[in-house]
Amino acid sequence: MPGYGDSPPAEMVATAQGRVAFLDRVFQELGMQRPVLISPSMSGRFALPFLLARGDQLAGFVPVAPVGTKDYAAEQYQQVQTCTLILYGDRDMSLGPQALQSLRHLPRHRVAVVPDAGHACYLDNPEDFHQALLGFLRQLT
């Protein structure tokens, strides 16, 4: 993601609107129509503004203990009609439960807690993570 890791700082993603435009452009460039957006941890800074602004363009949303959930009000989440699978590890004592407190206001959500897993539940227990994810994806089709 621009501005993270070893990538240089990017002015275009300095605002929530810029991050929405960035993801929109990525989806357009890849020719993706109604993708499922999976958002672990720091990618919440990109995914959450996109979900709130353009959630109708997504087939589904899978937040995995994302950051930034407290930046938005319950009323904003309640407007989103995107099918959502909220995922986090049972040993994630901070971001997972914190994100759930905000994301539970999404009207069309399910929650899956990955056993024996911390914040990076997809690395700690990939089998159960993928089972939950695949079950959600099958439900969308």
N, C-alpha and C. Protein backbone atom coordinates (compact mmCIF):
# COMPACT_ATOMS: atom_id res chain seq x y z
N MET A 1 0.85 -1.16 0.00
CA MET A 1 0.00 0.00 0.00
C MET A 1 0.90 1.24 0.00
N PRO A 2 0.51 2.23 -0.76
CA PRO A 2 1.30 3.47 -0.80
C PRO A 2 1.44 4.08 0.59
N GLY A 3 2.68 4.48 0.91
CA GLY A 3 2.94 5.11 2.19
C GLY A 3 3.22 4.13 3.31
N TYR A 4 3.19 2.83 3.05
CA TYR A 4 3.45 1.81 4.07
C TYR A 4 4.62 0.94 3.65
N GLY A 5 5.24 0.29 4.62
CA GLY A 5 6.37 -0.58 4.32
C GLY A 5 7.51 0.20 3.71
N ASP A 6 8.07 -0.31 2.63
CA ASP A 6 9.20 0.34 1.98
C ASP A 6 8.78 1.30 0.87
N SER A 7 7.48 1.51 0.70
CA SER A 7 7.03 2.42 -0.36
C SER A 7 7.22 3.87 0.10
N PRO A 8 7.47 4.77 -0.84
CA PRO A 8 7.66 6.17 -0.46
C PRO A 8 6.33 6.80 -0.03
N PRO A 9 6.39 7.86 0.77
CA PRO A 9 5.16 8.56 1.14
C PRO A 9 4.42 9.01 -0.12
N ALA A 10 3.12 8.96 -0.07
CA ALA A 10 2.32 9.31 -1.25
C ALA A 10 1.25 10.31 -0.86
N GLU A 11 1.31 11.50 -1.44
CA GLU A 11 0.33 12.55 -1.17
C GLU A 11 -1.08 12.12 -1.55
N MET A 12 -1.20 11.31 -2.60
CA MET A 12 -2.52 10.93 -3.10
C MET A 12 -3.33 10.13 -2.08
N VAL A 13 -2.68 9.51 -1.10
CA VAL A 13 -3.41 8.72 -0.10
C VAL A 13 -3.35 9.36 1.28
N ALA A 14 -3.07 10.65 1.33
CA ALA A 14 -2.98 11.36 2.60
C ALA A 14 -4.35 11.57 3.25
N THR A 15 -5.42 11.50 2.46
CA THR A 15 -6.77 11.69 2.98
C THR A 15 -7.60 10.45 2.72
N ALA A 16 -8.70 10.33 3.45
CA ALA A 16 -9.61 9.19 3.24
C ALA A 16 -10.13 9.19 1.81
N GLN A 17 -10.46 10.37 1.28
CA GLN A 17 -10.96 10.45 -0.09
C GLN A 17 -9.90 9.98 -1.08
N GLY A 18 -8.65 10.31 -0.82
CA GLY A 18 -7.56 9.87 -1.68
C GLY A 18 -7.39 8.36 -1.64
N ARG A 19 -7.58 7.77 -0.47
CA ARG A 19 -7.45 6.32 -0.34
C ARG A 19 -8.61 5.61 -1.04
N VAL A 20 -9.81 6.21 -0.99
CA VAL A 20 -10.95 5.66 -1.73
C VAL A 20 -10.66 5.70 -3.22
N ALA A 21 -10.17 6.84 -3.70
CA ALA A 21 -9.85 6.98 -5.12
C ALA A 21 -8.76 6.00 -5.53
N PHE A 22 -7.77 5.77 -4.66
CA PHE A 22 -6.70 4.82 -4.97
C PHE A 22 -7.26 3.41 -5.15
N LEU A 23 -8.07 2.95 -4.20
CA LEU A 23 -8.65 1.60 -4.33
C LEU A 23 -9.56 1.49 -5.54
N ASP A 24 -10.32 2.55 -5.78
CA ASP A 24 -11.20 2.56 -6.96
C ASP A 24 -10.37 2.38 -8.23
N ARG A 25 -9.27 3.08 -8.30
CA ARG A 25 -8.40 2.98 -9.49
C ARG A 25 -7.77 1.58 -9.60
N VAL A 26 -7.35 1.01 -8.49
CA VAL A 26 -6.79 -0.34 -8.50
C VAL A 26 -7.82 -1.32 -9.07
N PHE A 27 -9.05 -1.25 -8.56
CA PHE A 27 -10.10 -2.16 -9.04
C PHE A 27 -10.36 -1.94 -10.53
N GLN A 28 -10.38 -0.70 -10.96
CA GLN A 28 -10.60 -0.40 -12.38
C GLN A 28 -9.46 -0.94 -13.24
N GLU A 29 -8.23 -0.68 -12.82
CA GLU A 29 -7.07 -1.14 -13.58
C GLU A 29 -7.02 -2.67 -13.70
N LEU A 30 -7.48 -3.35 -12.66
CA LEU A 30 -7.49 -4.81 -12.68
C LEU A 30 -8.74 -5.38 -13.33
N GLY A 31 -9.66 -4.50 -13.71
CA GLY A 31 -10.90 -4.94 -14.34
C GLY A 31 -11.82 -5.68 -13.38
N MET A 32 -11.72 -5.38 -12.11
CA MET A 32 -12.52 -6.07 -11.09
C MET A 32 -13.89 -5.41 -10.96
N GLN A 33 -14.91 -6.22 -11.03
CA GLN A 33 -16.27 -5.75 -10.83
C GLN A 33 -16.84 -6.49 -9.63
N ARG A 34 -17.28 -5.74 -8.65
CA ARG A 34 -17.86 -6.29 -7.42
C ARG A 34 -16.93 -7.29 -6.73
N PRO A 35 -15.70 -6.87 -6.40
CA PRO A 35 -14.77 -7.76 -5.71
C PRO A 35 -15.17 -7.93 -4.24
N VAL A 36 -14.56 -8.91 -3.61
CA VAL A 36 -14.63 -9.06 -2.16
C VAL A 36 -13.34 -8.42 -1.63
N LEU A 37 -13.49 -7.45 -0.76
CA LEU A 37 -12.35 -6.72 -0.22
C LEU A 37 -11.97 -7.32 1.13
N ILE A 38 -10.76 -7.88 1.21
CA ILE A 38 -10.25 -8.45 2.45
C ILE A 38 -9.27 -7.44 3.03
N SER A 39 -9.50 -7.08 4.29
CA SER A 39 -8.76 -5.97 4.88
C SER A 39 -8.14 -6.33 6.22
N PRO A 40 -6.89 -6.84 6.22
CA PRO A 40 -6.22 -7.09 7.50
C PRO A 40 -5.52 -5.83 8.02
N SER A 41 -5.62 -5.61 9.30
CA SER A 41 -4.85 -4.66 10.07
C SER A 41 -4.75 -3.27 9.43
N MET A 42 -3.54 -2.84 9.05
CA MET A 42 -3.32 -1.48 8.58
C MET A 42 -4.10 -1.14 7.32
N SER A 43 -4.49 -2.12 6.54
CA SER A 43 -5.24 -1.83 5.32
C SER A 43 -6.62 -1.26 5.63
N GLY A 44 -7.03 -1.32 6.90
CA GLY A 44 -8.30 -0.70 7.29
C GLY A 44 -8.35 0.78 6.96
N ARG A 45 -7.21 1.43 6.95
CA ARG A 45 -7.16 2.86 6.59
C ARG A 45 -7.61 3.10 5.15
N PHE A 46 -7.48 2.09 4.31
CA PHE A 46 -7.93 2.17 2.92
C PHE A 46 -9.33 1.58 2.78
N ALA A 47 -9.52 0.41 3.36
CA ALA A 47 -10.75 -0.35 3.13
C ALA A 47 -11.98 0.27 3.78
N LEU A 48 -11.85 0.78 5.00
CA LEU A 48 -13.02 1.33 5.69
C LEU A 48 -13.60 2.54 4.99
N PRO A 49 -12.79 3.53 4.58
CA PRO A 49 -13.39 4.64 3.83
C PRO A 49 -14.02 4.19 2.52
N PHE A 50 -13.40 3.19 1.87
CA PHE A 50 -13.98 2.67 0.62
C PHE A 50 -15.32 2.00 0.90
N LEU A 51 -15.38 1.19 1.94
CA LEU A 51 -16.63 0.51 2.31
C LEU A 51 -17.74 1.53 2.56
N LEU A 52 -17.43 2.58 3.30
CA LEU A 52 -18.45 3.57 3.65
C LEU A 52 -18.87 4.41 2.45
N ALA A 53 -17.95 4.68 1.56
CA ALA A 53 -18.26 5.52 0.39
C ALA A 53 -18.80 4.72 -0.79
N ARG A 54 -18.28 3.51 -0.98
CA ARG A 54 -18.60 2.75 -2.19
C ARG A 54 -18.89 1.28 -1.91
N GLY A 55 -19.41 0.98 -0.75
CA GLY A 55 -19.68 -0.41 -0.37
C GLY A 55 -20.59 -1.12 -1.34
N ASP A 56 -21.44 -0.37 -2.03
CA ASP A 56 -22.34 -0.99 -3.01
C ASP A 56 -21.59 -1.57 -4.20
N GLN A 57 -20.32 -1.21 -4.36
CA GLN A 57 -19.50 -1.74 -5.46
C GLN A 57 -18.81 -3.05 -5.08
N LEU A 58 -18.97 -3.46 -3.82
CA LEU A 58 -18.32 -4.68 -3.34
C LEU A 58 -19.32 -5.83 -3.25
N ALA A 59 -18.86 -7.03 -3.57
CA ALA A 59 -19.69 -8.22 -3.36
C ALA A 59 -19.64 -8.64 -1.90
N GLY A 60 -18.55 -8.30 -1.22
CA GLY A 60 -18.40 -8.64 0.18
C GLY A 60 -17.22 -7.92 0.78
N PHE A 61 -17.19 -7.93 2.10
CA PHE A 61 -16.12 -7.26 2.85
C PHE A 61 -15.69 -8.17 3.98
N VAL A 62 -14.36 -8.35 4.12
CA VAL A 62 -13.82 -9.21 5.17
C VAL A 62 -12.76 -8.42 5.95
N PRO A 63 -13.18 -7.72 7.01
CA PRO A 63 -12.21 -7.05 7.86
C PRO A 63 -11.57 -8.04 8.82
N VAL A 64 -10.24 -8.03 8.87
CA VAL A 64 -9.49 -8.93 9.75
C VAL A 64 -8.77 -8.05 10.77
N ALA A 65 -9.46 -7.73 11.86
CA ALA A 65 -8.93 -6.87 12.91
C ALA A 65 -8.29 -5.60 12.32
N PRO A 66 -9.05 -4.83 11.53
CA PRO A 66 -8.48 -3.66 10.89
C PRO A 66 -8.33 -2.48 11.86
N VAL A 67 -7.39 -1.62 11.55
CA VAL A 67 -7.25 -0.38 12.29
C VAL A 67 -8.26 0.64 11.75
N GLY A 68 -8.53 1.65 12.54
CA GLY A 68 -9.34 2.77 12.07
C GLY A 68 -10.83 2.62 12.26
N THR A 69 -11.28 1.56 12.88
CA THR A 69 -12.73 1.35 13.00
C THR A 69 -13.40 2.40 13.88
N LYS A 70 -12.66 2.92 14.87
CA LYS A 70 -13.25 3.91 15.77
C LYS A 70 -13.34 5.30 15.14
N ASP A 71 -12.81 5.45 13.93
CA ASP A 71 -12.87 6.75 13.24
C ASP A 71 -14.26 7.05 12.69
N TYR A 72 -15.16 6.08 12.75
CA TYR A 72 -16.48 6.25 12.13
C TYR A 72 -17.56 5.95 13.16
N ALA A 73 -18.71 6.58 12.98
CA ALA A 73 -19.83 6.44 13.92
C ALA A 73 -20.69 5.23 13.57
N ALA A 74 -21.41 4.74 14.56
CA ALA A 74 -22.31 3.60 14.36
C ALA A 74 -23.29 3.89 13.23
N GLU A 75 -23.77 5.13 13.15
CA GLU A 75 -24.73 5.50 12.11
C GLU A 75 -24.14 5.33 10.71
N GLN A 76 -22.84 5.61 10.57
CA GLN A 76 -22.20 5.43 9.27
C GLN A 76 -22.15 3.95 8.90
N TYR A 77 -21.79 3.11 9.84
CA TYR A 77 -21.75 1.68 9.57
C TYR A 77 -23.14 1.13 9.25
N GLN A 78 -24.15 1.63 9.93
CA GLN A 78 -25.51 1.14 9.74
C GLN A 78 -26.04 1.40 8.33
N GLN A 79 -25.45 2.31 7.60
CA GLN A 79 -25.88 2.62 6.23
C GLN A 79 -25.34 1.63 5.20
N VAL A 80 -24.35 0.85 5.56
CA VAL A 80 -23.67 -0.06 4.63
C VAL A 80 -24.47 -1.36 4.51
N GLN A 81 -24.73 -1.77 3.29
CA GLN A 81 -25.49 -3.01 3.05
C GLN A 81 -24.63 -4.13 2.47
N THR A 82 -23.33 -4.00 2.54
CA THR A 82 -22.40 -5.01 2.02
C THR A 82 -22.32 -6.20 2.98
N CYS A 83 -22.43 -7.41 2.44
CA CYS A 83 -22.26 -8.62 3.26
C CYS A 83 -20.84 -8.62 3.82
N THR A 84 -20.73 -8.84 5.12
CA THR A 84 -19.45 -8.71 5.80
C THR A 84 -19.18 -9.90 6.70
N LEU A 85 -17.93 -10.38 6.66
CA LEU A 85 -17.46 -11.39 7.59
C LEU A 85 -16.38 -10.74 8.44
N ILE A 86 -16.67 -10.52 9.71
CA ILE A 86 -15.71 -9.93 10.64
C ILE A 86 -14.88 -11.08 11.21
N LEU A 87 -13.58 -11.03 10.99
CA LEU A 87 -12.66 -12.09 11.40
C LEU A 87 -11.60 -11.56 12.35
N TYR A 88 -11.28 -12.34 13.38
CA TYR A 88 -10.12 -12.03 14.22
C TYR A 88 -9.75 -13.27 15.02
N GLY A 89 -8.52 -13.28 15.52
CA GLY A 89 -8.04 -14.41 16.30
C GLY A 89 -8.47 -14.33 17.75
N ASP A 90 -8.71 -15.48 18.36
CA ASP A 90 -9.17 -15.51 19.75
C ASP A 90 -8.12 -15.01 20.74
N ARG A 91 -6.86 -14.94 20.33
CA ARG A 91 -5.81 -14.42 21.20
C ARG A 91 -5.46 -12.96 20.89
N ASP A 92 -6.18 -12.35 19.98
CA ASP A 92 -6.00 -10.93 19.69
C ASP A 92 -6.81 -10.16 20.73
N MET A 93 -6.14 -9.64 21.72
CA MET A 93 -6.83 -9.00 22.84
C MET A 93 -7.03 -7.50 22.63
N SER A 94 -6.56 -6.96 21.51
CA SER A 94 -6.71 -5.52 21.32
C SER A 94 -7.50 -5.19 20.06
N LEU A 95 -6.89 -5.30 18.91
CA LEU A 95 -7.56 -4.83 17.68
C LEU A 95 -8.77 -5.65 17.28
N GLY A 96 -8.74 -6.96 17.46
CA GLY A 96 -9.89 -7.78 17.08
C GLY A 96 -11.16 -7.39 17.81
N PRO A 97 -11.17 -7.45 19.14
CA PRO A 97 -12.37 -7.05 19.88
C PRO A 97 -12.73 -5.58 19.70
N GLN A 98 -11.71 -4.73 19.59
CA GLN A 98 -11.95 -3.30 19.38
C GLN A 98 -12.66 -3.07 18.05
N ALA A 99 -12.20 -3.72 17.00
CA ALA A 99 -12.84 -3.57 15.69
C ALA A 99 -14.27 -4.10 15.73
N LEU A 100 -14.47 -5.21 16.42
CA LEU A 100 -15.81 -5.79 16.52
C LEU A 100 -16.80 -4.80 17.13
N GLN A 101 -16.36 -4.04 18.12
CA GLN A 101 -17.26 -3.07 18.77
C GLN A 101 -17.84 -2.08 17.77
N SER A 102 -17.06 -1.68 16.80
CA SER A 102 -17.55 -0.75 15.78
C SER A 102 -18.24 -1.47 14.63
N LEU A 103 -17.62 -2.53 14.14
CA LEU A 103 -18.12 -3.22 12.95
C LEU A 103 -19.42 -3.98 13.18
N ARG A 104 -19.74 -4.26 14.42
CA ARG A 104 -21.00 -4.98 14.72
C ARG A 104 -22.22 -4.15 14.32
N HIS A 105 -22.02 -2.87 14.02
CA HIS A 105 -23.12 -2.01 13.57
C HIS A 105 -23.44 -2.20 12.08
N LEU A 106 -22.59 -2.93 11.37
CA LEU A 106 -22.88 -3.25 9.97
C LEU A 106 -24.07 -4.20 9.95
N PRO A 107 -25.14 -3.86 9.25
CA PRO A 107 -26.36 -4.67 9.33
C PRO A 107 -26.22 -6.09 8.79
N ARG A 108 -25.37 -6.32 7.83
CA ARG A 108 -25.29 -7.64 7.19
C ARG A 108 -23.96 -8.30 7.51
N HIS A 109 -23.68 -8.49 8.78
CA HIS A 109 -22.39 -9.06 9.17
C HIS A 109 -22.56 -10.41 9.87
N ARG A 110 -21.48 -11.17 9.78
CA ARG A 110 -21.28 -12.39 10.56
C ARG A 110 -19.92 -12.24 11.22
N VAL A 111 -19.71 -12.97 12.30
CA VAL A 111 -18.43 -12.94 13.01
C VAL A 111 -17.85 -14.34 13.05
N ALA A 112 -16.56 -14.45 12.77
CA ALA A 112 -15.84 -15.71 12.92
C ALA A 112 -14.57 -15.43 13.72
N VAL A 113 -14.44 -16.12 14.83
CA VAL A 113 -13.25 -15.99 15.66
C VAL A 113 -12.36 -17.20 15.37
N VAL A 114 -11.15 -16.95 14.94
CA VAL A 114 -10.21 -18.01 14.57
C VAL A 114 -9.53 -18.51 15.84
N PRO A 115 -9.68 -19.81 16.16
CA PRO A 115 -9.08 -20.34 17.38
C PRO A 115 -7.55 -20.42 17.29
N ASP A 116 -6.94 -20.34 18.45
CA ASP A 116 -5.48 -20.48 18.56
C ASP A 116 -4.74 -19.51 17.64
N ALA A 117 -5.22 -18.28 17.59
CA ALA A 117 -4.62 -17.30 16.69
C ALA A 117 -4.62 -15.92 17.33
N GLY A 118 -3.58 -15.17 17.03
CA GLY A 118 -3.46 -13.80 17.50
C GLY A 118 -3.93 -12.82 16.44
N HIS A 119 -3.30 -11.65 16.44
CA HIS A 119 -3.71 -10.58 15.52
C HIS A 119 -3.62 -11.02 14.05
N ALA A 120 -2.53 -11.65 13.69
CA ALA A 120 -2.37 -12.14 12.31
C ALA A 120 -2.94 -13.56 12.23
N CYS A 121 -4.24 -13.67 12.42
CA CYS A 121 -4.89 -14.99 12.51
C CYS A 121 -4.72 -15.81 11.24
N TYR A 122 -4.56 -15.17 10.11
CA TYR A 122 -4.36 -15.87 8.83
C TYR A 122 -3.00 -16.54 8.77
N LEU A 123 -2.04 -16.07 9.58
CA LEU A 123 -0.72 -16.71 9.67
C LEU A 123 -0.68 -17.75 10.79
N ASP A 124 -1.32 -17.42 11.92
CA ASP A 124 -1.28 -18.30 13.08
C ASP A 124 -2.09 -19.58 12.88
N ASN A 125 -3.22 -19.47 12.20
CA ASN A 125 -4.08 -20.64 11.98
C ASN A 125 -4.71 -20.52 10.59
N PRO A 126 -3.89 -20.72 9.55
CA PRO A 126 -4.39 -20.52 8.20
C PRO A 126 -5.53 -21.46 7.81
N GLU A 127 -5.52 -22.67 8.34
CA GLU A 127 -6.57 -23.63 7.97
C GLU A 127 -7.95 -23.13 8.41
N ASP A 128 -8.09 -22.76 9.68
CA ASP A 128 -9.39 -22.29 10.16
C ASP A 128 -9.75 -20.93 9.55
N PHE A 129 -8.74 -20.08 9.34
CA PHE A 129 -8.99 -18.80 8.68
C PHE A 129 -9.59 -19.03 7.29
N HIS A 130 -8.93 -19.89 6.51
CA HIS A 130 -9.40 -20.15 5.15
C HIS A 130 -10.75 -20.85 5.13
N GLN A 131 -11.01 -21.72 6.08
CA GLN A 131 -12.33 -22.37 6.15
C GLN A 131 -13.42 -21.33 6.34
N ALA A 132 -13.20 -20.40 7.27
CA ALA A 132 -14.19 -19.34 7.52
C ALA A 132 -14.36 -18.46 6.29
N LEU A 133 -13.24 -18.09 5.67
CA LEU A 133 -13.28 -17.24 4.48
C LEU A 133 -14.00 -17.94 3.33
N LEU A 134 -13.66 -19.20 3.06
CA LEU A 134 -14.29 -19.93 1.96
C LEU A 134 -15.78 -20.13 2.20
N GLY A 135 -16.17 -20.40 3.44
CA GLY A 135 -17.59 -20.52 3.77
C GLY A 135 -18.34 -19.24 3.47
N PHE A 136 -17.73 -18.11 3.80
CA PHE A 136 -18.35 -16.81 3.52
C PHE A 136 -18.44 -16.57 2.02
N LEU A 137 -17.38 -16.86 1.29
CA LEU A 137 -17.39 -16.65 -0.17
C LEU A 137 -18.42 -17.53 -0.85
N ARG A 138 -18.58 -18.76 -0.40
CA ARG A 138 -19.60 -19.65 -0.98
C ARG A 138 -20.99 -19.09 -0.76
N GLN A 139 -21.21 -18.47 0.38
CA GLN A 139 -22.52 -17.88 0.70
C GLN A 139 -22.84 -16.72 -0.24
N LEU A 140 -21.83 -16.04 -0.74
CA LEU A 140 -22.06 -14.89 -1.61
C LEU A 140 -22.50 -15.28 -3.01
N THR A 141 -22.15 -16.48 -3.45
CA THR A 141 -22.46 -16.87 -4.84
C THR A 141 -23.80 -17.53 -4.96
